[in-house]
Amino acid sequence: MRTITAASLIFLFWFMLSGHTGALLIALGVLSTLLSVYLAKRMNIIDHEGYPFDLSVRLLRYFLYLGKEILISNVDVIKRILTLGPVDISPQVITLPAAKKTDLSQMIYANSITLTPGTVTLELSNDKIIVHALSKKGAADLQTGEMARAVPDNVELSS
């Protein structure tokens, strides 16, 4: 079942990136997908420790949330850059609690902060995240904890 799921996802990803609908190119896409899955199977990469598909819905919801936050932050930073006259930039370093249960959830949260324009994670430890924010508004938004609550909490690597 995992092999069929992996092959379907690989082909879907190939099709979304290529956008080709010609019969020859679709056939080549199917062949390259089958070859990739065959080689992955031979290398014993596709096994019981594969991707936890039960997380897909929660992670998709989080990725949509993160995309929205990145877009909003991009607009905010662009406004600050293009403002004529005095610019409202007040850089500051803040400490946030790393209140996630697993190491992977903490890493996703810290990386999400860095992916959002105007903020950078400086340090991640067991109980805190130190962040540099471009403005007081950016720091205040992080301190509300909305992004931390949006990260799925029971994400962990299979072992």
C-alpha atoms as a PDB file:
ATOM      1  CA  MET A   1       0.000   0.000   0.000  1.00  0.00           C
ATOM      2  CA  ARG A   2       2.819   2.413   0.868  1.00  0.00           C
ATOM      3  CA  THR A   3       4.420   1.743  -2.491  1.00  0.00           C
ATOM      4  CA  ILE A   4       1.239   2.639  -4.371  1.00  0.00           C
ATOM      5  CA  THR A   5       0.752   5.745  -2.236  1.00  0.00           C
ATOM      6  CA  ALA A   6       4.364   6.812  -2.762  1.00  0.00           C
ATOM      7  CA  ALA A   7       4.121   6.248  -6.524  1.00  0.00           C
ATOM      8  CA  SER A   8       0.868   8.214  -6.713  1.00  0.00           C
ATOM      9  CA  LEU A   9       2.298  11.132  -4.744  1.00  0.00           C
ATOM     10  CA  ILE A  10       5.510  11.195  -6.784  1.00  0.00           C
ATOM     11  CA  PHE A  11       3.581  11.186 -10.055  1.00  0.00           C
ATOM     12  CA  LEU A  12       1.160  13.853  -8.808  1.00  0.00           C
ATOM     13  CA  PHE A  13       4.095  16.013  -7.739  1.00  0.00           C
ATOM     14  CA  TRP A  14       5.780  15.510 -11.127  1.00  0.00           C
ATOM     15  CA  PHE A  15       2.578  16.383 -12.947  1.00  0.00           C
ATOM     16  CA  MET A  16       1.990  19.552 -10.881  1.00  0.00           C
ATOM     17  CA  LEU A  17       5.540  20.737 -11.536  1.00  0.00           C
ATOM     18  CA  SER A  18       5.640  19.860 -15.230  1.00  0.00           C
ATOM     19  CA  GLY A  19       2.081  20.626 -16.298  1.00  0.00           C
ATOM     20  CA  HIS A  20       2.578  18.557 -19.456  1.00  0.00           C
ATOM     21  CA  THR A  21      -0.487  16.777 -20.816  1.00  0.00           C
ATOM     22  CA  GLY A  22       0.935  15.187 -23.967  1.00  0.00           C
ATOM     23  CA  ALA A  23       0.657  11.395 -24.118  1.00  0.00           C
ATOM     24  CA  LEU A  24       4.392  10.858 -24.587  1.00  0.00           C
ATOM     25  CA  LEU A  25       5.353  13.098 -21.677  1.00  0.00           C
ATOM     26  CA  ILE A  26       2.721  11.549 -19.403  1.00  0.00           C
ATOM     27  CA  ALA A  27       4.060   8.093 -20.315  1.00  0.00           C
ATOM     28  CA  LEU A  28       7.620   9.240 -19.562  1.00  0.00           C
ATOM     29  CA  GLY A  29       6.414  10.694 -16.250  1.00  0.00           C
ATOM     30  CA  VAL A  30       4.791   7.390 -15.328  1.00  0.00           C
ATOM     31  CA  LEU A  31       7.944   5.489 -16.329  1.00  0.00           C
ATOM     32  CA  SER A  32      10.211   7.770 -14.325  1.00  0.00           C
ATOM     33  CA  THR A  33       7.863   7.471 -11.332  1.00  0.00           C
ATOM     34  CA  LEU A  34       7.883   3.675 -11.561  1.00  0.00           C
ATOM     35  CA  LEU A  35      11.671   3.644 -11.891  1.00  0.00           C
ATOM     36  CA  SER A  36      12.042   5.934  -8.860  1.00  0.00           C
ATOM     37  CA  VAL A  37       9.726   3.796  -6.748  1.00  0.00           C
ATOM     38  CA  TYR A  38      11.458   0.588  -7.890  1.00  0.00           C
ATOM     39  CA  LEU A  39      14.875   1.989  -6.945  1.00  0.00           C
ATOM     40  CA  ALA A  40      13.558   3.280  -3.616  1.00  0.00           C
ATOM     41  CA  LYS A  41      12.076  -0.134  -2.892  1.00  0.00           C
ATOM     42  CA  ARG A  42      15.380  -1.853  -3.793  1.00  0.00           C
ATOM     43  CA  MET A  43      17.271   0.556  -1.520  1.00  0.00           C
ATOM     44  CA  ASN A  44      14.762  -0.266   1.244  1.00  0.00           C
ATOM     45  CA  ILE A  45      13.737   3.372   1.631  1.00  0.00           C
ATOM     46  CA  ILE A  46      10.003   2.717   1.437  1.00  0.00           C
ATOM     47  CA  ASP A  47       9.211   0.759   4.590  1.00  0.00           C
ATOM     48  CA  HIS A  48       7.078   0.794   7.714  1.00  0.00           C
ATOM     49  CA  GLU A  49       8.925   3.881   8.973  1.00  0.00           C
ATOM     50  CA  GLY A  50       7.805   6.048   6.082  1.00  0.00           C
ATOM     51  CA  TYR A  51       5.873   9.275   6.169  1.00  0.00           C
ATOM     52  CA  PRO A  52       3.061   9.318   8.774  1.00  0.00           C
ATOM     53  CA  PHE A  53       0.080  10.041   6.509  1.00  0.00           C
ATOM     54  CA  ASP A  54      -2.204  10.653   9.481  1.00  0.00           C
ATOM     55  CA  LEU A  55      -0.413  13.987   9.919  1.00  0.00           C
ATOM     56  CA  SER A  56      -1.170  15.124   6.371  1.00  0.00           C
ATOM     57  CA  VAL A  57      -4.354  17.042   7.159  1.00  0.00           C
ATOM     58  CA  ARG A  58      -2.909  18.784  10.207  1.00  0.00           C
ATOM     59  CA  LEU A  59       0.314  19.674   8.420  1.00  0.00           C
ATOM     60  CA  LEU A  60      -1.561  20.889   5.340  1.00  0.00           C
ATOM     61  CA  ARG A  61      -3.654  23.153   7.561  1.00  0.00           C
ATOM     62  CA  TYR A  62      -0.461  24.434   9.206  1.00  0.00           C
ATOM     63  CA  PHE A  63       1.275  25.020   5.865  1.00  0.00           C
ATOM     64  CA  LEU A  64      -1.712  27.074   4.700  1.00  0.00           C
ATOM     65  CA  TYR A  65      -1.570  29.074   7.942  1.00  0.00           C
ATOM     66  CA  LEU A  66       2.190  29.558   7.538  1.00  0.00           C
ATOM     67  CA  GLY A  67       1.774  30.661   3.908  1.00  0.00           C
ATOM     68  CA  LYS A  68      -0.740  33.290   5.020  1.00  0.00           C
ATOM     69  CA  GLU A  69       1.614  34.527   7.744  1.00  0.00           C
ATOM     70  CA  ILE A  70       4.550  34.700   5.319  1.00  0.00           C
ATOM     71  CA  LEU A  71       2.451  36.729   2.875  1.00  0.00           C
ATOM     72  CA  ILE A  72       1.285  39.151   5.579  1.00  0.00           C
ATOM     73  CA  SER A  73       4.851  39.561   6.882  1.00  0.00           C
ATOM     74  CA  ASN A  74       6.196  40.118   3.365  1.00  0.00           C
ATOM     75  CA  VAL A  75       3.724  42.942   2.826  1.00  0.00           C
ATOM     76  CA  ASP A  76       4.643  44.449   6.205  1.00  0.00           C
ATOM     77  CA  VAL A  77       8.391  44.352   5.475  1.00  0.00           C
ATOM     78  CA  ILE A  78       7.897  45.749   1.952  1.00  0.00           C
ATOM     79  CA  LYS A  79       5.889  48.653   3.386  1.00  0.00           C
ATOM     80  CA  ARG A  80       8.667  49.381   5.861  1.00  0.00           C
ATOM     81  CA  ILE A  81      11.289  49.282   3.092  1.00  0.00           C
ATOM     82  CA  LEU A  82       9.373  51.499   0.676  1.00  0.00           C
ATOM     83  CA  THR A  83       8.257  54.069   3.250  1.00  0.00           C
ATOM     84  CA  LEU A  84       9.602  57.539   2.529  1.00  0.00           C
ATOM     85  CA  GLY A  85      10.833  59.471   5.526  1.00  0.00           C
ATOM     86  CA  PRO A  86      11.259  57.968   8.975  1.00  0.00           C
ATOM     87  CA  VAL A  87      10.878  54.204   8.994  1.00  0.00           C
ATOM     88  CA  ASP A  88       9.127  52.415  11.870  1.00  0.00           C
ATOM     89  CA  ILE A  89      11.802  49.834  12.582  1.00  0.00           C
ATOM     90  CA  SER A  90      12.578  48.913  16.161  1.00  0.00           C
ATOM     91  CA  PRO A  91      14.728  45.778  16.172  1.00  0.00           C
ATOM     92  CA  GLN A  92      14.576  43.733  19.319  1.00  0.00           C
ATOM     93  CA  VAL A  93      15.475  40.351  20.702  1.00  0.00           C
ATOM     94  CA  ILE A  94      12.744  38.483  22.562  1.00  0.00           C
ATOM     95  CA  THR A  95      12.523  35.154  24.354  1.00  0.00           C
ATOM     96  CA  LEU A  96       9.575  32.868  23.690  1.00  0.00           C
ATOM     97  CA  PRO A  97       8.676  29.659  25.482  1.00  0.00           C
ATOM     98  CA  ALA A  98       9.390  26.519  23.458  1.00  0.00           C
ATOM     99  CA  ALA A  99       6.164  24.932  24.616  1.00  0.00           C
ATOM    100  CA  LYS A 100       6.027  22.131  22.056  1.00  0.00           C
ATOM    101  CA  LYS A 101       6.079  18.499  23.206  1.00  0.00           C
ATOM    102  CA  THR A 102       8.479  16.997  20.668  1.00  0.00           C
ATOM    103  CA  ASP A 103      11.821  18.126  19.303  1.00  0.00           C
ATOM    104  CA  LEU A 104      10.445  18.048  15.754  1.00  0.00           C
ATOM    105  CA  SER A 105       7.511  20.304  16.703  1.00  0.00           C
ATOM    106  CA  GLN A 106       9.934  22.751  18.324  1.00  0.00           C
ATOM    107  CA  MET A 107      12.119  22.707  15.221  1.00  0.00           C
ATOM    108  CA  ILE A 108       9.105  23.315  12.952  1.00  0.00           C
ATOM    109  CA  TYR A 109       8.065  26.245  15.154  1.00  0.00           C
ATOM    110  CA  ALA A 110      11.578  27.764  15.204  1.00  0.00           C
ATOM    111  CA  ASN A 111      11.977  27.355  11.430  1.00  0.00           C
ATOM    112  CA  SER A 112       8.542  28.860  10.836  1.00  0.00           C
ATOM    113  CA  ILE A 113       9.606  31.944  12.762  1.00  0.00           C
ATOM    114  CA  THR A 114      12.693  32.237  10.557  1.00  0.00           C
ATOM    115  CA  LEU A 115      10.673  31.704   7.364  1.00  0.00           C
ATOM    116  CA  THR A 116       8.438  34.631   8.287  1.00  0.00           C
ATOM    117  CA  PRO A 117      10.046  37.850   6.985  1.00  0.00           C
ATOM    118  CA  GLY A 118      11.066  40.270   9.714  1.00  0.00           C
ATOM    119  CA  THR A 119      11.856  37.581  12.301  1.00  0.00           C
ATOM    120  CA  VAL A 120      14.794  35.217  12.780  1.00  0.00           C
ATOM    121  CA  THR A 121      15.254  32.442  15.329  1.00  0.00           C
ATOM    122  CA  LEU A 122      18.628  32.966  16.986  1.00  0.00           C
ATOM    123  CA  GLU A 123      18.629  30.069  19.432  1.00  0.00           C
ATOM    124  CA  LEU A 124      16.454  27.077  20.228  1.00  0.00           C
ATOM    125  CA  SER A 125      16.872  25.255  23.513  1.00  0.00           C
ATOM    126  CA  ASN A 126      14.675  22.866  25.483  1.00  0.00           C
ATOM    127  CA  ASP A 127      12.583  25.524  27.150  1.00  0.00           C
ATOM    128  CA  LYS A 128      13.029  28.730  25.129  1.00  0.00           C
ATOM    129  CA  ILE A 129      13.410  30.229  21.686  1.00  0.00           C
ATOM    130  CA  ILE A 130      15.363  33.458  21.269  1.00  0.00           C
ATOM    131  CA  VAL A 131      14.098  35.512  18.327  1.00  0.00           C
ATOM    132  CA  HIS A 132      15.214  38.729  16.613  1.00  0.00           C
ATOM    133  CA  ALA A 133      12.253  40.780  15.377  1.00  0.00           C
ATOM    134  CA  LEU A 134      12.422  43.742  12.995  1.00  0.00           C
ATOM    135  CA  SER A 135       9.631  45.656  14.731  1.00  0.00           C
ATOM    136  CA  LYS A 136       7.624  45.805  17.941  1.00  0.00           C
ATOM    137  CA  LYS A 137       4.554  44.635  15.998  1.00  0.00           C
ATOM    138  CA  GLY A 138       6.375  41.520  14.783  1.00  0.00           C
ATOM    139  CA  ALA A 139       7.561  40.748  18.302  1.00  0.00           C
ATOM    140  CA  ALA A 140       4.080  41.310  19.738  1.00  0.00           C
ATOM    141  CA  ASP A 141       2.533  39.008  17.131  1.00  0.00           C
ATOM    142  CA  LEU A 142       4.922  36.221  18.140  1.00  0.00           C
ATOM    143  CA  GLN A 143       4.312  36.799  21.843  1.00  0.00           C
ATOM    144  CA  THR A 144       0.580  36.156  21.392  1.00  0.00           C
ATOM    145  CA  GLY A 145       1.504  32.502  20.814  1.00  0.00           C
ATOM    146  CA  GLU A 146      -0.778  32.088  17.796  1.00  0.00           C
ATOM    147  CA  MET A 147       1.973  30.558  15.647  1.00  0.00           C
ATOM    148  CA  ALA A 148       3.033  28.224  18.461  1.00  0.00           C
ATOM    149  CA  ARG A 149      -0.550  26.987  18.844  1.00  0.00           C
ATOM    150  CA  ALA A 150      -0.823  26.430  15.076  1.00  0.00           C
ATOM    151  CA  VAL A 151       2.124  24.000  14.952  1.00  0.00           C
ATOM    152  CA  PRO A 152       0.869  20.404  15.290  1.00  0.00           C
ATOM    153  CA  ASP A 153       2.080  19.266  18.715  1.00  0.00           C
ATOM    154  CA  ASN A 154       2.386  15.515  18.325  1.00  0.00           C
ATOM    155  CA  VAL A 155       4.645  15.564  15.267  1.00  0.00           C
ATOM    156  CA  GLU A 156       7.571  13.204  15.724  1.00  0.00           C
ATOM    157  CA  LEU A 157       9.932  11.221  13.570  1.00  0.00           C
ATOM    158  CA  SER A 158       9.314   7.514  13.258  1.00  0.00           C
ATOM    159  CA  SER A 159      11.908   5.382  14.965  1.00  0.00           C
END
